[in-house]
Full PDB file with SEQRES, HELIX, SHEET, SSBOND, CRYST1, ORIGX, SCALE, CONECT and MASTER records, all heavy atoms in Angstrom:
SEQRES   1 A   36  ALA LEU SER LYS TYR ILE GLY ILE LYS VAL CYS SER GLU          
SEQRES   2 A   36  ALA ALA PRO GLN ARG ARG ALA ILE LEU LEU VAL VAL LEU          
SEQRES   3 A   36  ILE ALA TRP ALA GLU ALA ALA LEU LEU LEU                      
HELIX    1 AA1 LEU A    2  GLU A   13  1                                  12    
HELIX    2 AA2 PRO A   16  LEU A   35  1                                  20    
CRYST1    1.000    1.000    1.000  90.00  90.00  90.00 P 1           1          
ORIGX1      1.000000  0.000000  0.000000        0.00000                         
ORIGX2      0.000000  1.000000  0.000000        0.00000                         
ORIGX3      0.000000  0.000000  1.000000        0.00000                         
SCALE1      1.000000  0.000000  0.000000        0.00000                         
SCALE2      0.000000  1.000000  0.000000        0.00000                         
SCALE3      0.000000  0.000000  1.000000        0.00000                         
ATOM      1  N   ALA A   1      33.165-104.240 -43.944  1.00  0.00           N  
ATOM      2  CA  ALA A   1      34.202-103.774 -44.871  1.00  0.00           C  
ATOM      3  C   ALA A   1      35.337-104.782 -44.991  1.00  0.00           C  
ATOM      4  O   ALA A   1      35.832-105.055 -46.098  1.00  0.00           O  
ATOM      5  CB  ALA A   1      34.746-102.424 -44.398  1.00  0.00           C  
ATOM      6  N   LEU A   2      35.755-105.351 -43.859  1.00  0.00           N  
ATOM      7  CA  LEU A   2      36.796-106.382 -43.892  1.00  0.00           C  
ATOM      8  C   LEU A   2      36.328-107.572 -44.719  1.00  0.00           C  
ATOM      9  O   LEU A   2      37.104-108.179 -45.474  1.00  0.00           O  
ATOM     10  CB  LEU A   2      37.145-106.813 -42.466  1.00  0.00           C  
ATOM     11  CG  LEU A   2      38.236-107.879 -42.320  1.00  0.00           C  
ATOM     12  CD1 LEU A   2      39.535-107.419 -42.969  1.00  0.00           C  
ATOM     13  CD2 LEU A   2      38.463-108.197 -40.843  1.00  0.00           C  
ATOM     14  N   SER A   3      35.039-107.898 -44.595  1.00  0.00           N  
ATOM     15  CA  SER A   3      34.472-108.983 -45.383  1.00  0.00           C  
ATOM     16  C   SER A   3      34.571-108.696 -46.875  1.00  0.00           C  
ATOM     17  O   SER A   3      34.801-109.604 -47.684  1.00  0.00           O  
ATOM     18  CB  SER A   3      33.005-109.184 -44.983  1.00  0.00           C  
ATOM     19  OG  SER A   3      32.433-110.299 -45.621  1.00  0.00           O  
ATOM     20  N   LYS A   4      34.417-107.427 -47.247  1.00  0.00           N  
ATOM     21  CA  LYS A   4      34.530-107.065 -48.658  1.00  0.00           C  
ATOM     22  C   LYS A   4      35.960-107.268 -49.158  1.00  0.00           C  
ATOM     23  O   LYS A   4      36.176-107.736 -50.286  1.00  0.00           O  
ATOM     24  CB  LYS A   4      34.103-105.611 -48.863  1.00  0.00           C  
ATOM     25  CG  LYS A   4      32.632-105.343 -48.576  1.00  0.00           C  
ATOM     26  CD  LYS A   4      31.721-106.088 -49.521  1.00  0.00           C  
ATOM     27  CE  LYS A   4      30.261-105.741 -49.287  1.00  0.00           C  
ATOM     28  NZ  LYS A   4      29.354-106.491 -50.194  1.00  0.00           N  
ATOM     29  N   TYR A   5      36.947-106.901 -48.334  1.00  0.00           N  
ATOM     30  CA  TYR A   5      38.343-107.118 -48.727  1.00  0.00           C  
ATOM     31  C   TYR A   5      38.636-108.618 -48.867  1.00  0.00           C  
ATOM     32  O   TYR A   5      39.310-109.048 -49.813  1.00  0.00           O  
ATOM     33  CB  TYR A   5      39.289-106.493 -47.698  1.00  0.00           C  
ATOM     34  CG  TYR A   5      39.407-104.994 -47.813  1.00  0.00           C  
ATOM     35  CD1 TYR A   5      38.712-104.149 -46.949  1.00  0.00           C  
ATOM     36  CD2 TYR A   5      40.208-104.409 -48.782  1.00  0.00           C  
ATOM     37  CE1 TYR A   5      38.805-102.765 -47.054  1.00  0.00           C  
ATOM     38  CE2 TYR A   5      40.317-103.025 -48.905  1.00  0.00           C  
ATOM     39  CZ  TYR A   5      39.615-102.213 -48.037  1.00  0.00           C  
ATOM     40  OH  TYR A   5      39.707-100.844 -48.146  1.00  0.00           O  
ATOM     41  N   ILE A   6      38.130-109.405 -47.918  1.00  0.00           N  
ATOM     42  CA  ILE A   6      38.299-110.861 -48.013  1.00  0.00           C  
ATOM     43  C   ILE A   6      37.581-111.393 -49.247  1.00  0.00           C  
ATOM     44  O   ILE A   6      38.069-112.287 -49.948  1.00  0.00           O  
ATOM     45  CB  ILE A   6      37.754-111.537 -46.731  1.00  0.00           C  
ATOM     46  CG1 ILE A   6      38.567-111.094 -45.513  1.00  0.00           C  
ATOM     47  CG2 ILE A   6      37.805-113.056 -46.867  1.00  0.00           C  
ATOM     48  CD1 ILE A   6      37.963-111.532 -44.186  1.00  0.00           C  
ATOM     49  N   GLY A   7      36.402-110.809 -49.531  1.00  0.00           N  
ATOM     50  CA  GLY A   7      35.612-111.269 -50.665  1.00  0.00           C  
ATOM     51  C   GLY A   7      36.252-111.024 -52.012  1.00  0.00           C  
ATOM     52  O   GLY A   7      35.900-111.687 -52.987  1.00  0.00           O  
ATOM     53  N   ILE A   8      37.185-110.060 -52.099  1.00  0.00           N  
ATOM     54  CA  ILE A   8      37.891-109.843 -53.368  1.00  0.00           C  
ATOM     55  C   ILE A   8      38.518-111.148 -53.849  1.00  0.00           C  
ATOM     56  O   ILE A   8      38.477-111.473 -55.037  1.00  0.00           O  
ATOM     57  CB  ILE A   8      38.965-108.746 -53.212  1.00  0.00           C  
ATOM     58  CG1 ILE A   8      38.303-107.384 -52.991  1.00  0.00           C  
ATOM     59  CG2 ILE A   8      39.881-108.695 -54.435  1.00  0.00           C  
ATOM     60  CD1 ILE A   8      39.283-106.268 -52.683  1.00  0.00           C  
ATOM     61  N   LYS A   9      39.059-111.905 -52.920  1.00  0.00           N  
ATOM     62  CA  LYS A   9      39.650-113.197 -53.270  1.00  0.00           C  
ATOM     63  C   LYS A   9      38.633-114.338 -53.201  1.00  0.00           C  
ATOM     64  O   LYS A   9      38.458-115.092 -54.160  1.00  0.00           O  
ATOM     65  CB  LYS A   9      40.820-113.509 -52.323  1.00  0.00           C  
ATOM     66  CG  LYS A   9      41.431-114.898 -52.535  1.00  0.00           C  
ATOM     67  CD  LYS A   9      42.616-115.129 -51.617  1.00  0.00           C  
ATOM     68  CE  LYS A   9      43.131-116.567 -51.710  1.00  0.00           C  
ATOM     69  NZ  LYS A   9      43.637-116.869 -53.066  1.00  0.00           N  
ATOM     70  N   VAL A  10      37.929-114.431 -52.072  1.00  0.00           N  
ATOM     71  CA  VAL A  10      37.041-115.575 -51.848  1.00  0.00           C  
ATOM     72  C   VAL A  10      35.915-115.621 -52.873  1.00  0.00           C  
ATOM     73  O   VAL A  10      35.650-116.672 -53.485  1.00  0.00           O  
ATOM     74  CB  VAL A  10      36.465-115.537 -50.417  1.00  0.00           C  
ATOM     75  CG1 VAL A  10      35.404-116.626 -50.240  1.00  0.00           C  
ATOM     76  CG2 VAL A  10      37.578-115.722 -49.394  1.00  0.00           C  
ATOM     77  N   CYS A  11      35.231-114.492 -53.091  1.00  0.00           N  
ATOM     78  CA  CYS A  11      34.082-114.499 -53.997  1.00  0.00           C  
ATOM     79  C   CYS A  11      34.496-114.609 -55.462  1.00  0.00           C  
ATOM     80  O   CYS A  11      33.829-115.276 -56.249  1.00  0.00           O  
ATOM     81  CB  CYS A  11      33.239-113.253 -53.773  1.00  0.00           C  
ATOM     82  SG  CYS A  11      32.412-113.209 -52.175  1.00  0.00           S  
ATOM     83  N   SER A  12      35.587-113.952 -55.834  1.00  0.00           N  
ATOM     84  CA  SER A  12      35.998-114.012 -57.238  1.00  0.00           C  
ATOM     85  C   SER A  12      36.556-115.375 -57.615  1.00  0.00           C  
ATOM     86  O   SER A  12      36.586-115.735 -58.791  1.00  0.00           O  
ATOM     87  CB  SER A  12      37.024-112.916 -57.550  1.00  0.00           C  
ATOM     88  OG  SER A  12      38.186-113.068 -56.767  1.00  0.00           O  
ATOM     89  N   GLU A  13      36.998-116.158 -56.623  1.00  0.00           N  
ATOM     90  CA  GLU A  13      37.546-117.490 -56.893  1.00  0.00           C  
ATOM     91  C   GLU A  13      36.572-118.618 -56.567  1.00  0.00           C  
ATOM     92  O   GLU A  13      36.881-119.783 -56.808  1.00  0.00           O  
ATOM     93  CB  GLU A  13      38.831-117.696 -56.078  1.00  0.00           C  
ATOM     94  CG  GLU A  13      39.989-116.797 -56.488  1.00  0.00           C  
ATOM     95  CD  GLU A  13      41.248-117.057 -55.685  1.00  0.00           C  
ATOM     96  OE1 GLU A  13      41.215-117.927 -54.782  1.00  0.00           O  
ATOM     97  OE2 GLU A  13      42.277-116.396 -55.951  1.00  0.00           O  
ATOM     98  N   ALA A  14      35.396-118.310 -56.029  1.00  0.00           N  
ATOM     99  CA  ALA A  14      34.472-119.353 -55.565  1.00  0.00           C  
ATOM    100  C   ALA A  14      33.996-120.230 -56.718  1.00  0.00           C  
ATOM    101  O   ALA A  14      33.437-119.744 -57.704  1.00  0.00           O  
ATOM    102  CB  ALA A  14      33.285-118.712 -54.867  1.00  0.00           C  
ATOM    103  N   ALA A  15      34.203-121.538 -56.592  1.00  0.00           N  
ATOM    104  CA  ALA A  15      33.760-122.493 -57.602  1.00  0.00           C  
ATOM    105  C   ALA A  15      32.258-122.727 -57.467  1.00  0.00           C  
ATOM    106  O   ALA A  15      31.697-122.591 -56.377  1.00  0.00           O  
ATOM    107  CB  ALA A  15      34.516-123.818 -57.437  1.00  0.00           C  
ATOM    108  N   PRO A  16      31.570-123.075 -58.547  1.00  0.00           N  
ATOM    109  CA  PRO A  16      30.106-123.228 -58.509  1.00  0.00           C  
ATOM    110  C   PRO A  16      29.605-124.168 -57.418  1.00  0.00           C  
ATOM    111  O   PRO A  16      28.616-123.871 -56.751  1.00  0.00           O  
ATOM    112  CB  PRO A  16      29.782-123.776 -59.901  1.00  0.00           C  
ATOM    113  CG  PRO A  16      30.882-123.280 -60.771  1.00  0.00           C  
ATOM    114  CD  PRO A  16      32.103-123.283 -59.902  1.00  0.00           C  
ATOM    115  N   GLN A  17      30.290-125.294 -57.208  1.00  0.00           N  
ATOM    116  CA  GLN A  17      29.801-126.274 -56.255  1.00  0.00           C  
ATOM    117  C   GLN A  17      29.940-125.843 -54.800  1.00  0.00           C  
ATOM    118  O   GLN A  17      29.340-126.449 -53.906  1.00  0.00           O  
ATOM    119  CB  GLN A  17      30.523-127.617 -56.465  1.00  0.00           C  
ATOM    120  CG  GLN A  17      32.019-127.602 -56.224  1.00  0.00           C  
ATOM    121  CD  GLN A  17      32.822-127.215 -57.458  1.00  0.00           C  
ATOM    122  OE1 GLN A  17      32.269-126.628 -58.401  1.00  0.00           O  
ATOM    123  NE2 GLN A  17      34.105-127.556 -57.467  1.00  0.00           N  
ATOM    124  N   ARG A  18      30.707-124.776 -54.542  1.00  0.00           N  
ATOM    125  CA  ARG A  18      30.932-124.324 -53.168  1.00  0.00           C  
ATOM    126  C   ARG A  18      30.050-123.154 -52.763  1.00  0.00           C  
ATOM    127  O   ARG A  18      29.947-122.825 -51.574  1.00  0.00           O  
ATOM    128  CB  ARG A  18      32.401-123.911 -52.991  1.00  0.00           C  
ATOM    129  CG  ARG A  18      33.415-125.035 -53.156  1.00  0.00           C  
ATOM    130  CD  ARG A  18      34.822-124.492 -52.974  1.00  0.00           C  
ATOM    131  NE  ARG A  18      34.964-123.787 -51.703  1.00  0.00           N  
ATOM    132  CZ  ARG A  18      35.692-122.678 -51.534  1.00  0.00           C  
ATOM    133  NH1 ARG A  18      36.309-122.136 -52.567  1.00  0.00           N  
ATOM    134  NH2 ARG A  18      35.794-122.102 -50.353  1.00  0.00           N  
ATOM    135  N   ARG A  19      29.404-122.508 -53.714  1.00  0.00           N  
ATOM    136  CA  ARG A  19      28.737-121.238 -53.424  1.00  0.00           C  
ATOM    137  C   ARG A  19      27.551-121.392 -52.479  1.00  0.00           C  
ATOM    138  O   ARG A  19      27.379-120.594 -51.552  1.00  0.00           O  
ATOM    139  CB  ARG A  19      28.311-120.567 -54.728  1.00  0.00           C  
ATOM    140  CG  ARG A  19      29.507-120.112 -55.557  1.00  0.00           C  
ATOM    141  CD  ARG A  19      29.113-119.734 -56.975  1.00  0.00           C  
ATOM    142  NE  ARG A  19      30.309-119.695 -57.821  1.00  0.00           N  
ATOM    143  CZ  ARG A  19      30.290-119.756 -59.139  1.00  0.00           C  
ATOM    144  NH1 ARG A  19      29.147-119.867 -59.783  1.00  0.00           N  
ATOM    145  NH2 ARG A  19      31.424-119.725 -59.829  1.00  0.00           N  
ATOM    146  N   ALA A  20      26.710-122.386 -52.683  1.00  0.00           N  
ATOM    147  CA  ALA A  20      25.540-122.561 -51.820  1.00  0.00           C  
ATOM    148  C   ALA A  20      25.961-122.885 -50.388  1.00  0.00           C  
ATOM    149  O   ALA A  20      25.392-122.361 -49.424  1.00  0.00           O  
ATOM    150  CB  ALA A  20      24.639-123.672 -52.379  1.00  0.00           C  
ATOM    151  N   ILE A  21      26.955-123.763 -50.241  1.00  0.00           N  
ATOM    152  CA  ILE A  21      27.439-124.113 -48.901  1.00  0.00           C  
ATOM    153  C   ILE A  21      28.012-122.888 -48.208  1.00  0.00           C  
ATOM    154  O   ILE A  21      27.767-122.650 -47.018  1.00  0.00           O  
ATOM    155  CB  ILE A  21      28.506-125.227 -49.001  1.00  0.00           C  
ATOM    156  CG1 ILE A  21      27.877-126.503 -49.567  1.00  0.00           C  
ATOM    157  CG2 ILE A  21      29.137-125.500 -47.642  1.00  0.00           C  
ATOM    158  CD1 ILE A  21      28.867-127.603 -49.849  1.00  0.00           C  
ATOM    159  N   LEU A  22      28.776-122.087 -48.945  1.00  0.00           N  
ATOM    160  CA  LEU A  22      29.340-120.866 -48.374  1.00  0.00           C  
ATOM    161  C   LEU A  22      28.242-119.912 -47.888  1.00  0.00           C  
ATOM    162  O   LEU A  22      28.348-119.311 -46.811  1.00  0.00           O  
ATOM    163  CB  LEU A  22      30.209-120.161 -49.408  1.00  0.00           C  
ATOM    164  CG  LEU A  22      31.662-120.625 -49.524  1.00  0.00           C  
ATOM    165  CD1 LEU A  22      32.333-119.965 -50.725  1.00  0.00           C  
ATOM    166  CD2 LEU A  22      32.438-120.305 -48.259  1.00  0.00           C  
ATOM    167  N   LEU A  23      27.182-119.775 -48.664  1.00  0.00           N  
ATOM    168  CA  LEU A  23      26.086-118.889 -48.274  1.00  0.00           C  
ATOM    169  C   LEU A  23      25.463-119.319 -46.952  1.00  0.00           C  
ATOM    170  O   LEU A  23      25.205-118.492 -46.069  1.00  0.00           O  
ATOM    171  CB  LEU A  23      25.018-118.864 -49.372  1.00  0.00           C  
ATOM    172  CG  LEU A  23      25.336-118.010 -50.605  1.00  0.00           C  
ATOM    173  CD1 LEU A  23      24.348-118.300 -51.728  1.00  0.00           C  
ATOM    174  CD2 LEU A  23      25.309-116.529 -50.259  1.00  0.00           C  
ATOM    175  N   VAL A  24      25.218-120.603 -46.793  1.00  0.00           N  
ATOM    176  CA  VAL A  24      24.608-121.110 -45.558  1.00  0.00           C  
ATOM    177  C   VAL A  24      25.545-120.931 -44.373  1.00  0.00           C  
ATOM    178  O   VAL A  24      25.122-120.514 -43.283  1.00  0.00           O  
ATOM    179  CB  VAL A  24      24.218-122.598 -45.729  1.00  0.00           C  
ATOM    180  CG1 VAL A  24      23.712-123.175 -44.404  1.00  0.00           C  
ATOM    181  CG2 VAL A  24      23.144-122.745 -46.805  1.00  0.00           C  
ATOM    182  N   VAL A  25      26.827-121.208 -44.569  1.00  0.00           N  
ATOM    183  CA  VAL A  25      27.802-121.053 -43.486  1.00  0.00           C  
ATOM    184  C   VAL A  25      27.893-119.590 -43.048  1.00  0.00           C  
ATOM    185  O   VAL A  25      27.944-119.282 -41.846  1.00  0.00           O  
ATOM    186  CB  VAL A  25      29.187-121.573 -43.933  1.00  0.00           C  
ATOM    187  CG1 VAL A  25      30.265-121.185 -42.924  1.00  0.00           C  
ATOM    188  CG2 VAL A  25      29.149-123.095 -44.084  1.00  0.00           C  
ATOM    189  N   LEU A  26      27.898-118.673 -43.999  1.00  0.00           N  
ATOM    190  CA  LEU A  26      28.004-117.252 -43.670  1.00  0.00           C  
ATOM    191  C   LEU A  26      26.812-116.770 -42.846  1.00  0.00           C  
ATOM    192  O   LEU A  26      26.970-116.013 -41.874  1.00  0.00           O  
ATOM    193  CB  LEU A  26      28.127-116.434 -44.953  1.00  0.00           C  
ATOM    194  CG  LEU A  26      29.407-116.635 -45.774  1.00  0.00           C  
ATOM    195  CD1 LEU A  26      29.323-115.896 -47.104  1.00  0.00           C  
ATOM    196  CD2 LEU A  26      30.644-116.206 -44.997  1.00  0.00           C  
ATOM    197  N   ILE A  27      25.607-117.203 -43.206  1.00  0.00           N  
ATOM    198  CA  ILE A  27      24.420-116.777 -42.471  1.00  0.00           C  
ATOM    199  C   ILE A  27      24.371-117.421 -41.090  1.00  0.00           C  
ATOM    200  O   ILE A  27      23.964-116.774 -40.098  1.00  0.00           O  
ATOM    201  CB  ILE A  27      23.149-117.113 -43.274  1.00  0.00           C  
ATOM    202  CG1 ILE A  27      23.055-116.193 -44.488  1.00  0.00           C  
ATOM    203  CG2 ILE A  27      21.902-116.986 -42.408  1.00  0.00           C  
ATOM    204  CD1 ILE A  27      22.937-114.714 -44.154  1.00  0.00           C  
ATOM    205  N   ALA A  28      24.787-118.677 -40.985  1.00  0.00           N  
ATOM    206  CA  ALA A  28      24.831-119.334 -39.673  1.00  0.00           C  
ATOM    207  C   ALA A  28      25.791-118.600 -38.739  1.00  0.00           C  
ATOM    208  O   ALA A  28      25.509-118.414 -37.540  1.00  0.00           O  
ATOM    209  CB  ALA A  28      25.250-120.795 -39.836  1.00  0.00           C  
ATOM    210  N   TRP A  29      26.910-118.164 -39.264  1.00  0.00           N  
ATOM    211  CA  TRP A  29      27.888-117.386 -38.494  1.00  0.00           C  
ATOM    212  C   TRP A  29      27.252-116.080 -38.005  1.00  0.00           C  
ATOM    213  O   TRP A  29      27.390-115.694 -36.841  1.00  0.00           O  
ATOM    214  CB  TRP A  29      29.098-117.113 -39.379  1.00  0.00           C  
ATOM    215  CG  TRP A  29      30.220-116.330 -38.748  1.00  0.00           C  
ATOM    216  CD1 TRP A  29      30.137-115.454 -37.696  1.00  0.00           C  
ATOM    217  CD2 TRP A  29      31.593-116.333 -39.144  1.00  0.00           C  
ATOM    218  NE1 TRP A  29      31.362-114.908 -37.425  1.00  0.00           N  
ATOM    219  CE2 TRP A  29      32.274-115.428 -38.299  1.00  0.00           C  
ATOM    220  CE3 TRP A  29      32.304-116.990 -40.141  1.00  0.00           C  
ATOM    221  CZ2 TRP A  29      33.642-115.182 -38.429  1.00  0.00           C  
ATOM    222  CZ3 TRP A  29      33.658-116.740 -40.272  1.00  0.00           C  
ATOM    223  CH2 TRP A  29      34.328-115.862 -39.418  1.00  0.00           C  
ATOM    224  N   ALA A  30      26.553-115.390 -38.921  1.00  0.00           N  
ATOM    225  CA  ALA A  30      25.941-114.107 -38.565  1.00  0.00           C  
ATOM    226  C   ALA A  30      24.890-114.276 -37.470  1.00  0.00           C  
ATOM    227  O   ALA A  30      24.798-113.457 -36.548  1.00  0.00           O  
ATOM    228  CB  ALA A  30      25.316-113.474 -39.805  1.00  0.00           C  
ATOM    229  N   GLU A  31      24.078-115.326 -37.540  1.00  0.00           N  
ATOM    230  CA  GLU A  31      23.055-115.559 -36.516  1.00  0.00           C  
ATOM    231  C   GLU A  31      23.687-115.906 -35.174  1.00  0.00           C  
ATOM    232  O   GLU A  31      23.202-115.474 -34.114  1.00  0.00           O  
ATOM    233  CB  GLU A  31      22.115-116.680 -36.970  1.00  0.00           C  
ATOM    234  CG  GLU A  31      21.051-117.072 -35.960  1.00  0.00           C  
ATOM    235  CD  GLU A  31      20.009-115.981 -35.704  1.00  0.00           C  
ATOM    236  OE1 GLU A  31      20.059-114.929 -36.367  1.00  0.00           O  
ATOM    237  OE2 GLU A  31      19.136-116.189 -34.837  1.00  0.00           O  
ATOM    238  N   ALA A  32      24.773-116.656 -35.198  1.00  0.00           N  
ATOM    239  CA  ALA A  32      25.482-116.967 -33.951  1.00  0.00           C  
ATOM    240  C   ALA A  32      25.987-115.692 -33.278  1.00  0.00           C  
ATOM    241  O   ALA A  32      25.927-115.548 -32.051  1.00  0.00           O  
ATOM    242  CB  ALA A  32      26.640-117.925 -34.233  1.00  0.00           C  
ATOM    243  N   ALA A  33      26.455-114.745 -34.088  1.00  0.00           N  
ATOM    244  CA  ALA A  33      26.911-113.466 -33.534  1.00  0.00           C  
ATOM    245  C   ALA A  33      25.757-112.689 -32.915  1.00  0.00           C  
ATOM    246  O   ALA A  33      25.917-112.015 -31.889  1.00  0.00           O  
ATOM    247  CB  ALA A  33      27.585-112.644 -34.624  1.00  0.00           C  
ATOM    248  N   LEU A  34      24.568-112.774 -33.507  1.00  0.00           N  
ATOM    249  CA  LEU A  34      23.403-112.096 -32.945  1.00  0.00           C  
ATOM    250  C   LEU A  34      22.967-112.719 -31.622  1.00  0.00           C  
ATOM    251  O   LEU A  34      22.454-112.021 -30.734  1.00  0.00           O  
ATOM    252  CB  LEU A  34      22.244-112.119 -33.950  1.00  0.00           C  
ATOM    253  CG  LEU A  34      22.446-111.306 -35.233  1.00  0.00           C  
ATOM    254  CD1 LEU A  34      21.234-111.423 -36.138  1.00  0.00           C  
ATOM    255  CD2 LEU A  34      22.746-109.845 -34.920  1.00  0.00           C  
ATOM    256  N   LEU A  35      23.163-114.014 -31.483  1.00  0.00           N  
ATOM    257  CA  LEU A  35      22.877-114.663 -30.201  1.00  0.00           C  
ATOM    258  C   LEU A  35      23.842-114.165 -29.129  1.00  0.00           C  
ATOM    259  O   LEU A  35      23.449-113.964 -27.971  1.00  0.00           O  
ATOM    260  CB  LEU A  35      22.969-116.185 -30.347  1.00  0.00           C  
ATOM    261  CG  LEU A  35      21.874-116.838 -31.207  1.00  0.00           C  
ATOM    262  CD1 LEU A  35      22.170-118.319 -31.419  1.00  0.00           C  
ATOM    263  CD2 LEU A  35      20.502-116.658 -30.559  1.00  0.00           C  
ATOM    264  N   LEU A  36      25.092-113.944 -29.507  1.00  0.00           N  
ATOM    265  CA  LEU A  36      26.046-113.337 -28.566  1.00  0.00           C  
ATOM    266  C   LEU A  36      25.618-111.927 -28.202  1.00  0.00           C  
ATOM    267  O   LEU A  36      25.710-111.509 -27.041  1.00  0.00           O  
ATOM    268  CB  LEU A  36      27.451-113.312 -29.193  1.00  0.00           C  
ATOM    269  CG  LEU A  36      28.233-114.623 -29.234  1.00  0.00           C  
ATOM    270  CD1 LEU A  36      29.545-114.416 -29.971  1.00  0.00           C  
ATOM    271  CD2 LEU A  36      28.491-115.139 -27.831  1.00  0.00           C  
TER     272      LEU A  36                                                      
MASTER        0    0    0    2    0    0    0    6  271    1    0    3          
END                                                                             
């Protein structure tokens, strides 16, 4: 839910060239949390 609130700004302002990199970073973060 907090991610959704952050996404109101981050996702609505995301420039085309940054979107793919953001997707990979977000999933890498999620997998690191699962390792924890």
